[in-house]
């Protein structure tokens, strides 16, 4: 017996809405995305939702490009900080004369 198309459509719409919110950064945090797994039982995507899914895919790719650029910039900043720390000479002990 084939799944009910109304239920499938509602499931696809809910899934696309959730993924769109994730792509726009409107979720509580990264755990919402890392816990995601491919849905089952939705059947083929309805033809009239293919354009929406394609736009979502493009938005996810754009978000991924931004995240990758941010990651590279962070690594560069960390490298610069490590280079500064590496040039510091160890300082000798500092004593405070509290008897004066």
PDB file of N, CA and C in Angstrom:
ATOM      1  N   UNK A   1       0.846  -1.175   0.000  1.00  0.00           N
ATOM      2  CA  UNK A   1       0.000   0.000   0.000  1.00  0.00           C
ATOM      3  C   UNK A   1       0.891   1.239   0.000  1.00  0.00           C
ATOM      4  N   UNK A   2       0.627   2.204  -0.862  1.00  0.00           N
ATOM      5  CA  UNK A   2       1.467   3.398  -0.962  1.00  0.00           C
ATOM      6  C   UNK A   2       1.098   4.391   0.143  1.00  0.00           C
ATOM      7  N   UNK A   3       2.089   5.216   0.556  1.00  0.00           N
ATOM      8  CA  UNK A   3       1.816   6.186   1.613  1.00  0.00           C
ATOM      9  C   UNK A   3       0.841   7.268   1.143  1.00  0.00           C
ATOM     10  N   UNK A   4       0.150   7.849   2.089  1.00  0.00           N
ATOM     11  CA  UNK A   4      -0.816   8.897   1.804  1.00  0.00           C
ATOM     12  C   UNK A   4      -0.085  10.143   1.321  1.00  0.00           C
ATOM     13  N   UNK A   5      -0.401  10.665   0.097  1.00  0.00           N
ATOM     14  CA  UNK A   5       0.307  11.822  -0.435  1.00  0.00           C
ATOM     15  C   UNK A   5       0.164  13.068   0.431  1.00  0.00           C
ATOM     16  N   UNK A   6      -0.959  13.242   1.123  1.00  0.00           N
ATOM     17  CA  UNK A   6      -1.144  14.406   1.986  1.00  0.00           C
ATOM     18  C   UNK A   6      -0.154  14.350   3.142  1.00  0.00           C
ATOM     19  N   UNK A   7      -0.018  13.170   3.748  1.00  0.00           N
ATOM     20  CA  UNK A   7       0.932  13.004   4.848  1.00  0.00           C
ATOM     21  C   UNK A   7       2.351  13.214   4.347  1.00  0.00           C
ATOM     22  N   UNK A   8       2.665  12.657   3.173  1.00  0.00           N
ATOM     23  CA  UNK A   8       3.994  12.840   2.603  1.00  0.00           C
ATOM     24  C   UNK A   8       4.271  14.322   2.342  1.00  0.00           C
ATOM     25  N   UNK A   9       3.314  15.028   1.782  1.00  0.00           N
ATOM     26  CA  UNK A   9       3.488  16.446   1.488  1.00  0.00           C
ATOM     27  C   UNK A   9       3.711  17.230   2.775  1.00  0.00           C
ATOM     28  N   UNK A  10       2.910  16.960   3.778  1.00  0.00           N
ATOM     29  CA  UNK A  10       3.064  17.659   5.061  1.00  0.00           C
ATOM     30  C   UNK A  10       4.430  17.341   5.674  1.00  0.00           C
ATOM     31  N   UNK A  11       4.861  16.095   5.551  1.00  0.00           N
ATOM     32  CA  UNK A  11       6.181  15.713   6.062  1.00  0.00           C
ATOM     33  C   UNK A  11       7.301  16.428   5.330  1.00  0.00           C
ATOM     34  N   UNK A  12       7.193  16.497   3.999  1.00  0.00           N
ATOM     35  CA  UNK A  12       8.199  17.207   3.205  1.00  0.00           C
ATOM     36  C   UNK A  12       8.224  18.691   3.548  1.00  0.00           C
ATOM     37  N   UNK A  13       7.040  19.287   3.699  1.00  0.00           N
ATOM     38  CA  UNK A  13       6.983  20.711   4.027  1.00  0.00           C
ATOM     39  C   UNK A  13       7.597  20.980   5.396  1.00  0.00           C
ATOM     40  N   UNK A  14       7.310  20.116   6.371  1.00  0.00           N
ATOM     41  CA  UNK A  14       7.886  20.284   7.711  1.00  0.00           C
ATOM     42  C   UNK A  14       9.404  20.116   7.666  1.00  0.00           C
ATOM     43  N   UNK A  15       9.875  19.133   6.914  1.00  0.00           N
ATOM     44  CA  UNK A  15      11.313  18.898   6.782  1.00  0.00           C
ATOM     45  C   UNK A  15      12.001  20.087   6.127  1.00  0.00           C
ATOM     46  N   UNK A  16      11.448  20.570   5.034  1.00  0.00           N
ATOM     47  CA  UNK A  16      12.047  21.715   4.338  1.00  0.00           C
ATOM     48  C   UNK A  16      12.053  22.952   5.229  1.00  0.00           C
ATOM     49  N   UNK A  17      10.988  23.184   5.968  1.00  0.00           N
ATOM     50  CA  UNK A  17      10.935  24.325   6.885  1.00  0.00           C
ATOM     51  C   UNK A  17      12.024  24.217   7.945  1.00  0.00           C
ATOM     52  N   UNK A  18      12.188  23.042   8.507  1.00  0.00           N
ATOM     53  CA  UNK A  18      13.212  22.822   9.528  1.00  0.00           C
ATOM     54  C   UNK A  18      14.615  23.050   8.960  1.00  0.00           C
ATOM     55  N   UNK A  19      14.868  22.522   7.775  1.00  0.00           N
ATOM     56  CA  UNK A  19      16.181  22.689   7.149  1.00  0.00           C
ATOM     57  C   UNK A  19      16.430  24.138   6.748  1.00  0.00           C
ATOM     58  N   UNK A  20      15.387  24.837   6.322  1.00  0.00           N
ATOM     59  CA  UNK A  20      15.529  26.253   5.983  1.00  0.00           C
ATOM     60  C   UNK A  20      15.890  27.069   7.220  1.00  0.00           C
ATOM     61  N   UNK A  21      15.270  26.746   8.346  1.00  0.00           N
ATOM     62  CA  UNK A  21      15.589  27.443   9.591  1.00  0.00           C
ATOM     63  C   UNK A  21      17.035  27.167  10.013  1.00  0.00           C
ATOM     64  N   UNK A  22      17.476  25.934   9.872  1.00  0.00           N
ATOM     65  CA  UNK A  22      18.861  25.584  10.180  1.00  0.00           C
ATOM     66  C   UNK A  22      19.816  26.366   9.280  1.00  0.00           C
ATOM     67  N   UNK A  23      19.526  26.415   7.993  1.00  0.00           N
ATOM     68  CA  UNK A  23      20.403  27.096   7.043  1.00  0.00           C
ATOM     69  C   UNK A  23      20.462  28.593   7.311  1.00  0.00           C
ATOM     70  N   UNK A  24      19.376  29.152   7.836  1.00  0.00           N
ATOM     71  CA  UNK A  24      19.333  30.583   8.132  1.00  0.00           C
ATOM     72  C   UNK A  24      19.888  30.892   9.520  1.00  0.00           C
ATOM     73  N   UNK A  25      20.304  29.854  10.261  1.00  0.00           N
ATOM     74  CA  UNK A  25      20.840  30.075  11.598  1.00  0.00           C
ATOM     75  C   UNK A  25      19.768  30.399  12.616  1.00  0.00           C
ATOM     76  N   UNK A  26      18.551  29.948  12.410  1.00  0.00           N
ATOM     77  CA  UNK A  26      17.442  30.254  13.307  1.00  0.00           C
ATOM     78  C   UNK A  26      17.168  29.147  14.309  1.00  0.00           C
ATOM     79  N   UNK A  27      18.117  28.244  14.495  1.00  0.00           N
ATOM     80  CA  UNK A  27      17.915  27.161  15.452  1.00  0.00           C
ATOM     81  C   UNK A  27      18.648  27.485  16.738  1.00  0.00           C
ATOM     82  N   UNK A  28      18.423  26.685  17.738  1.00  0.00           N
ATOM     83  CA  UNK A  28      19.005  26.930  19.064  1.00  0.00           C
ATOM     84  C   UNK A  28      20.520  26.823  19.062  1.00  0.00           C
ATOM     85  N   UNK A  29      21.084  26.053  18.175  1.00  0.00           N
ATOM     86  CA  UNK A  29      22.532  25.902  18.160  1.00  0.00           C
ATOM     87  C   UNK A  29      22.957  24.783  17.248  1.00  0.00           C
ATOM     88  N   UNK A  30      24.254  24.521  17.212  1.00  0.00           N
ATOM     89  CA  UNK A  30      24.766  23.521  16.286  1.00  0.00           C
ATOM     90  C   UNK A  30      24.277  22.108  16.568  1.00  0.00           C
ATOM     91  N   UNK A  31      23.837  21.817  17.793  1.00  0.00           N
ATOM     92  CA  UNK A  31      23.372  20.465  18.085  1.00  0.00           C
ATOM     93  C   UNK A  31      22.146  20.111  17.269  1.00  0.00           C
ATOM     94  N   UNK A  32      21.342  21.105  16.902  1.00  0.00           N
ATOM     95  CA  UNK A  32      20.153  20.829  16.099  1.00  0.00           C
ATOM     96  C   UNK A  32      20.543  20.242  14.750  1.00  0.00           C
ATOM     97  N   UNK A  33      21.671  20.659  14.220  1.00  0.00           N
ATOM     98  CA  UNK A  33      22.110  20.185  12.913  1.00  0.00           C
ATOM     99  C   UNK A  33      22.898  18.886  13.051  1.00  0.00           C
ATOM    100  N   UNK A  34      23.753  18.762  14.050  1.00  0.00           N
ATOM    101  CA  UNK A  34      24.603  17.583  14.166  1.00  0.00           C
ATOM    102  C   UNK A  34      23.800  16.325  14.497  1.00  0.00           C
ATOM    103  N   UNK A  35      22.619  16.482  15.082  1.00  0.00           N
ATOM    104  CA  UNK A  35      21.799  15.331  15.432  1.00  0.00           C
ATOM    105  C   UNK A  35      20.876  14.903  14.291  1.00  0.00           C
ATOM    106  N   UNK A  36      20.954  15.583  13.156  1.00  0.00           N
ATOM    107  CA  UNK A  36      20.054  15.320  12.050  1.00  0.00           C
ATOM    108  C   UNK A  36      20.389  14.000  11.386  1.00  0.00           C
ATOM    109  N   UNK A  37      19.363  13.274  10.981  1.00  0.00           N
ATOM    110  CA  UNK A  37      19.555  12.078  10.168  1.00  0.00           C
ATOM    111  C   UNK A  37      18.506  12.097   9.058  1.00  0.00           C
ATOM    112  N   UNK A  38      18.830  11.418   8.001  1.00  0.00           N
ATOM    113  CA  UNK A  38      17.953  11.411   6.834  1.00  0.00           C
ATOM    114  C   UNK A  38      16.580  10.847   7.199  1.00  0.00           C
ATOM    115  N   UNK A  39      15.518  11.567   6.847  1.00  0.00           N
ATOM    116  CA  UNK A  39      14.178  11.067   7.171  1.00  0.00           C
ATOM    117  C   UNK A  39      13.820   9.862   6.303  1.00  0.00           C
ATOM    118  N   UNK A  40      12.975   9.048   6.820  1.00  0.00           N
ATOM    119  CA  UNK A  40      12.500   7.886   6.061  1.00  0.00           C
ATOM    120  C   UNK A  40      10.977   7.948   5.980  1.00  0.00           C
ATOM    121  N   UNK A  41      10.427   7.295   4.983  1.00  0.00           N
ATOM    122  CA  UNK A  41       8.987   7.169   4.865  1.00  0.00           C
ATOM    123  C   UNK A  41       8.279   8.351   4.223  1.00  0.00           C
ATOM    124  N   UNK A  42       9.039   9.326   3.691  1.00  0.00           N
ATOM    125  CA  UNK A  42       8.376  10.460   3.051  1.00  0.00           C
ATOM    126  C   UNK A  42       8.036  10.195   1.602  1.00  0.00           C
ATOM    127  N   UNK A  43       8.693   9.229   1.008  1.00  0.00           N
ATOM    128  CA  UNK A  43       8.482   8.973  -0.411  1.00  0.00           C
ATOM    129  C   UNK A  43       9.155  10.039  -1.249  1.00  0.00           C
ATOM    130  N   UNK A  44       8.918  10.035  -2.545  1.00  0.00           N
ATOM    131  CA  UNK A  44       9.543  11.038  -3.412  1.00  0.00           C
ATOM    132  C   UNK A  44       9.019  12.439  -3.090  1.00  0.00           C
ATOM    133  N   UNK A  45       9.894  13.418  -3.288  1.00  0.00           N
ATOM    134  CA  UNK A  45       9.495  14.801  -3.024  1.00  0.00           C
ATOM    135  C   UNK A  45       8.438  15.218  -4.044  1.00  0.00           C
ATOM    136  N   UNK A  46       7.381  15.886  -3.589  1.00  0.00           N
ATOM    137  CA  UNK A  46       6.375  16.364  -4.544  1.00  0.00           C
ATOM    138  C   UNK A  46       7.014  17.332  -5.547  1.00  0.00           C
ATOM    139  N   UNK A  47       6.607  17.226  -6.793  1.00  0.00           N
ATOM    140  CA  UNK A  47       7.204  18.008  -7.882  1.00  0.00           C
ATOM    141  C   UNK A  47       7.185  19.512  -7.588  1.00  0.00           C
ATOM    142  N   UNK A  48       6.101  20.009  -6.994  1.00  0.00           N
ATOM    143  CA  UNK A  48       6.012  21.454  -6.754  1.00  0.00           C
ATOM    144  C   UNK A  48       6.899  21.922  -5.595  1.00  0.00           C
ATOM    145  N   UNK A  49       7.532  21.010  -4.868  1.00  0.00           N
ATOM    146  CA  UNK A  49       8.461  21.388  -3.800  1.00  0.00           C
ATOM    147  C   UNK A  49       9.923  21.285  -4.239  1.00  0.00           C
ATOM    148  N   UNK A  50      10.168  20.824  -5.463  1.00  0.00           N
ATOM    149  CA  UNK A  50      11.543  20.655  -5.958  1.00  0.00           C
ATOM    150  C   UNK A  50      12.269  21.998  -6.022  1.00  0.00           C
ATOM    151  N   UNK A  51      11.614  23.052  -6.473  1.00  0.00           N
ATOM    152  CA  UNK A  51      12.237  24.372  -6.534  1.00  0.00           C
ATOM    153  C   UNK A  51      12.635  24.860  -5.156  1.00  0.00           C
ATOM    154  N   UNK A  52      11.770  24.654  -4.176  1.00  0.00           N
ATOM    155  CA  UNK A  52      12.076  25.042  -2.794  1.00  0.00           C
ATOM    156  C   UNK A  52      13.273  24.260  -2.270  1.00  0.00           C
ATOM    157  N   UNK A  53      13.310  22.971  -2.557  1.00  0.00           N
ATOM    158  CA  UNK A  53      14.439  22.141  -2.125  1.00  0.00           C
ATOM    159  C   UNK A  53      15.733  22.584  -2.810  1.00  0.00           C
ATOM    160  N   UNK A  54      15.652  22.973  -4.067  1.00  0.00           N
ATOM    161  CA  UNK A  54      16.837  23.455  -4.791  1.00  0.00           C
ATOM    162  C   UNK A  54      17.350  24.757  -4.194  1.00  0.00           C
ATOM    163  N   UNK A  55      16.434  25.658  -3.842  1.00  0.00           N
ATOM    164  CA  UNK A  55      16.846  26.918  -3.201  1.00  0.00           C
ATOM    165  C   UNK A  55      17.472  26.641  -1.836  1.00  0.00           C
ATOM    166  N   UNK A  56      16.924  25.683  -1.118  1.00  0.00           N
ATOM    167  CA  UNK A  56      17.483  25.293   0.173  1.00  0.00           C
ATOM    168  C   UNK A  56      18.896  24.757  -0.001  1.00  0.00           C
ATOM    169  N   UNK A  57      19.104  23.919  -0.989  1.00  0.00           N
ATOM    170  CA  UNK A  57      20.433  23.381  -1.257  1.00  0.00           C
ATOM    171  C   UNK A  57      21.424  24.501  -1.552  1.00  0.00           C
ATOM    172  N   UNK A  58      21.011  25.475  -2.344  1.00  0.00           N
ATOM    173  CA  UNK A  58      21.890  26.618  -2.642  1.00  0.00           C
ATOM    174  C   UNK A  58      22.194  27.412  -1.372  1.00  0.00           C
ATOM    175  N   UNK A  59      21.191  27.612  -0.517  1.00  0.00           N
ATOM    176  CA  UNK A  59      21.400  28.340   0.743  1.00  0.00           C
ATOM    177  C   UNK A  59      22.352  27.573   1.659  1.00  0.00           C
ATOM    178  N   UNK A  60      22.224  26.251   1.691  1.00  0.00           N
ATOM    179  CA  UNK A  60      23.130  25.436   2.509  1.00  0.00           C
ATOM    180  C   UNK A  60      24.562  25.533   1.986  1.00  0.00           C
ATOM    181  N   UNK A  61      24.721  25.525   0.688  1.00  0.00           N
ATOM    182  CA  UNK A  61      26.067  25.664   0.104  1.00  0.00           C
ATOM    183  C   UNK A  61      26.662  27.037   0.420  1.00  0.00           C
ATOM    184  N   UNK A  62      25.836  28.081   0.336  1.00  0.00           N
ATOM    185  CA  UNK A  62      26.301  29.428   0.688  1.00  0.00           C
ATOM    186  C   UNK A  62      26.720  29.488   2.155  1.00  0.00           C
ATOM    187  N   UNK A  63      25.914  28.904   3.025  1.00  0.00           N
ATOM    188  CA  UNK A  63      26.226  28.887   4.468  1.00  0.00           C
ATOM    189  C   UNK A  63      27.511  28.117   4.723  1.00  0.00           C
ATOM    190  N   UNK A  64      27.691  27.019   4.027  1.00  0.00           N
ATOM    191  CA  UNK A  64      28.903  26.230   4.174  1.00  0.00           C
ATOM    192  C   UNK A  64      30.133  27.031   3.748  1.00  0.00           C
ATOM    193  N   UNK A  65      30.018  27.798   2.673  1.00  0.00           N
ATOM    194  CA  UNK A  65      31.128  28.633   2.212  1.00  0.00           C
ATOM    195  C   UNK A  65      31.481  29.687   3.255  1.00  0.00           C
ATOM    196  N   UNK A  66      30.472  30.293   3.880  1.00  0.00           N
ATOM    197  CA  UNK A  66      30.720  31.287   4.928  1.00  0.00           C
ATOM    198  C   UNK A  66      31.394  30.635   6.128  1.00  0.00           C
ATOM    199  N   UNK A  67      30.901  29.484   6.532  1.00  0.00           N
ATOM    200  CA  UNK A  67      31.500  28.782   7.677  1.00  0.00           C
ATOM    201  C   UNK A  67      32.947  28.389   7.393  1.00  0.00           C
ATOM    202  N   UNK A  68      33.214  27.957   6.183  1.00  0.00           N
ATOM    203  CA  UNK A  68      34.582  27.578   5.811  1.00  0.00           C
ATOM    204  C   UNK A  68      35.502  28.796   5.829  1.00  0.00           C
ATOM    205  N   UNK A  69      35.023  29.927   5.335  1.00  0.00           N
ATOM    206  CA  UNK A  69      35.822  31.161   5.363  1.00  0.00           C
ATOM    207  C   UNK A  69      36.083  31.588   6.806  1.00  0.00           C
ATOM    208  N   UNK A  70      35.073  31.477   7.661  1.00  0.00           N
ATOM    209  CA  UNK A  70      35.243  31.806   9.080  1.00  0.00           C
ATOM    210  C   UNK A  70      36.247  30.867   9.745  1.00  0.00           C
ATOM    211  N   UNK A  71      36.190  29.597   9.396  1.00  0.00           N
ATOM    212  CA  UNK A  71      37.125  28.620   9.958  1.00  0.00           C
ATOM    213  C   UNK A  71      38.561  28.957   9.562  1.00  0.00           C
ATOM    214  N   UNK A  72      38.757  29.283   8.286  1.00  0.00           N
ATOM    215  CA  UNK A  72      40.106  29.644   7.814  1.00  0.00           C
ATOM    216  C   UNK A  72      40.620  30.897   8.505  1.00  0.00           C
ATOM    217  N   UNK A  73      39.752  31.900   8.666  1.00  0.00           N
ATOM    218  CA  UNK A  73      40.157  33.139   9.340  1.00  0.00           C
ATOM    219  C   UNK A  73      40.513  32.865  10.797  1.00  0.00           C
ATOM    220  N   UNK A  74      39.749  32.019  11.451  1.00  0.00           N
ATOM    221  CA  UNK A  74      40.046  31.669  12.845  1.00  0.00           C
ATOM    222  C   UNK A  74      41.384  30.958  12.951  1.00  0.00           C
ATOM    223  N   UNK A  75      41.650  30.033  12.038  1.00  0.00           N
ATOM    224  CA  UNK A  75      42.942  29.337  12.052  1.00  0.00           C
ATOM    225  C   UNK A  75      44.097  30.302  11.816  1.00  0.00           C
ATOM    226  N   UNK A  76      43.908  31.274  10.936  1.00  0.00           N
ATOM    227  CA  UNK A  76      44.944  32.278  10.700  1.00  0.00           C
ATOM    228  C   UNK A  76      45.188  33.113  11.953  1.00  0.00           C
ATOM    229  N   UNK A  77      44.113  33.498  12.630  1.00  0.00           N
ATOM    230  CA  UNK A  77      44.247  34.283  13.865  1.00  0.00           C
ATOM    231  C   UNK A  77      44.959  33.473  14.949  1.00  0.00           C
ATOM    232  N   UNK A  78      44.594  32.212  15.072  1.00  0.00           N
ATOM    233  CA  UNK A  78      45.262  31.362  16.055  1.00  0.00           C
ATOM    234  C   UNK A  78      46.741  31.209  15.732  1.00  0.00           C
ATOM    235  N   UNK A  79      47.051  31.060  14.457  1.00  0.00           N
ATOM    236  CA  UNK A  79      48.452  30.970  14.047  1.00  0.00           C
ATOM    237  C   UNK A  79      49.216  32.230  14.402  1.00  0.00           C
ATOM    238  N   UNK A  80      48.608  33.398  14.198  1.00  0.00           N
ATOM    239  CA  UNK A  80      49.258  34.666  14.542  1.00  0.00           C
ATOM    240  C   UNK A  80      49.463  34.771  16.050  1.00  0.00           C
ATOM    241  N   UNK A  81      48.482  34.359  16.825  1.00  0.00           N
ATOM    242  CA  UNK A  81      48.628  34.395  18.283  1.00  0.00           C
ATOM    243  C   UNK A  81      49.742  33.466  18.755  1.00  0.00           C
ATOM    244  N   UNK A  82      49.816  32.305  18.163  1.00  0.00           N
ATOM    245  CA  UNK A  82      50.875  31.356  18.543  1.00  0.00           C
ATOM    246  C   UNK A  82      52.250  31.906  18.166  1.00  0.00           C
ATOM    247  N   UNK A  83      52.335  32.593  17.041  1.00  0.00           N
ATOM    248  CA  UNK A  83      53.606  33.178  16.614  1.00  0.00           C
ATOM    249  C   UNK A  83      54.053  34.260  17.592  1.00  0.00           C
ATOM    250  N   UNK A  84      53.116  35.055  18.093  1.00  0.00           N
ATOM    251  CA  UNK A  84      53.457  36.089  19.071  1.00  0.00           C
ATOM    252  C   UNK A  84      53.955  35.443  20.356  1.00  0.00           C
ATOM    253  N   UNK A  85      53.259  34.444  20.837  1.00  0.00           N
ATOM    254  CA  UNK A  85      53.684  33.751  22.056  1.00  0.00           C
ATOM    255  C   UNK A  85      55.064  33.135  21.893  1.00  0.00           C
ATOM    256  N   UNK A  86      55.370  32.640  20.707  1.00  0.00           N
ATOM    257  CA  UNK A  86      56.657  31.983  20.478  1.00  0.00           C
ATOM    258  C   UNK A  86      57.816  32.973  20.497  1.00  0.00           C
ATOM    259  N   UNK A  87      57.550  34.255  20.256  1.00  0.00           N
ATOM    260  CA  UNK A  87      58.633  35.238  20.231  1.00  0.00           C
ATOM    261  C   UNK A  87      58.905  35.848  21.605  1.00  0.00           C
ATOM    262  N   UNK A  88      58.070  35.594  22.556  1.00  0.00           N
ATOM    263  CA  UNK A  88      58.283  36.152  23.889  1.00  0.00           C
ATOM    264  C   UNK A  88      59.429  35.429  24.585  1.00  0.00           C
ATOM    265  N   UNK A  89      60.298  36.209  25.159  1.00  0.00           N
ATOM    266  CA  UNK A  89      61.395  35.621  25.917  1.00  0.00           C
ATOM    267  C   UNK A  89      60.927  35.376  27.343  1.00  0.00           C
ATOM    268  N   UNK A  90      61.364  34.271  27.917  1.00  0.00           N
ATOM    269  CA  UNK A  90      60.981  34.035  29.307  1.00  0.00           C
ATOM    270  C   UNK A  90      61.572  35.132  30.188  1.00  0.00           C
ATOM    271  N   UNK A  91      60.803  35.615  31.075  1.00  0.00           N
ATOM    272  CA  UNK A  91      61.269  36.655  31.983  1.00  0.00           C
ATOM    273  C   UNK A  91      61.778  36.013  33.263  1.00  0.00           C
ATOM    274  N   UNK A  92      62.715  36.704  33.859  1.00  0.00           N
ATOM    275  CA  UNK A  92      63.244  36.226  35.123  1.00  0.00           C
ATOM    276  C   UNK A  92      62.240  36.400  36.241  1.00  0.00           C
ATOM    277  N   UNK A  93      62.582  35.857  37.359  1.00  0.00           N
ATOM    278  CA  UNK A  93      61.696  35.957  38.522  1.00  0.00           C
ATOM    279  C   UNK A  93      61.581  37.407  38.955  1.00  0.00           C
ATOM    280  N   UNK A  94      60.436  37.756  39.436  1.00  0.00           N
ATOM    281  CA  UNK A  94      60.176  39.092  39.930  1.00  0.00           C
ATOM    282  C   UNK A  94      59.956  38.982  41.442  1.00  0.00           C
ATOM    283  N   UNK A  95      60.708  39.819  42.185  1.00  0.00           N
ATOM    284  CA  UNK A  95      60.594  39.802  43.634  1.00  0.00           C
ATOM    285  C   UNK A  95      60.044  41.129  44.099  1.00  0.00           C
ATOM    286  N   UNK A  96      59.216  41.087  45.093  1.00  0.00           N
ATOM    287  CA  UNK A  96      58.647  42.292  45.670  1.00  0.00           C
ATOM    288  C   UNK A  96      59.212  42.452  47.063  1.00  0.00           C
ATOM    289  N   UNK A  97      59.851  43.588  47.301  1.00  0.00           N
ATOM    290  CA  UNK A  97      60.405  43.861  48.629  1.00  0.00           C
ATOM    291  C   UNK A  97      59.314  44.490  49.464  1.00  0.00           C
ATOM    292  N   UNK A  98      58.747  43.711  50.336  1.00  0.00           N
ATOM    293  CA  UNK A  98      57.655  44.171  51.177  1.00  0.00           C
ATOM    294  C   UNK A  98      58.141  44.773  52.479  1.00  0.00           C
ATOM    295  N   UNK A  99      59.478  44.818  52.730  1.00  0.00           N
ATOM    296  CA  UNK A  99      59.991  45.340  53.994  1.00  0.00           C
ATOM    297  C   UNK A  99      60.129  46.846  54.004  1.00  0.00           C
ATOM    298  N   UNK A 100      60.055  47.476  52.867  1.00  0.00           N
ATOM    299  CA  UNK A 100      60.270  48.933  52.822  1.00  0.00           C
ATOM    300  C   UNK A 100      59.060  49.722  53.193  1.00  0.00           C
TER     301      UNK A 100
END
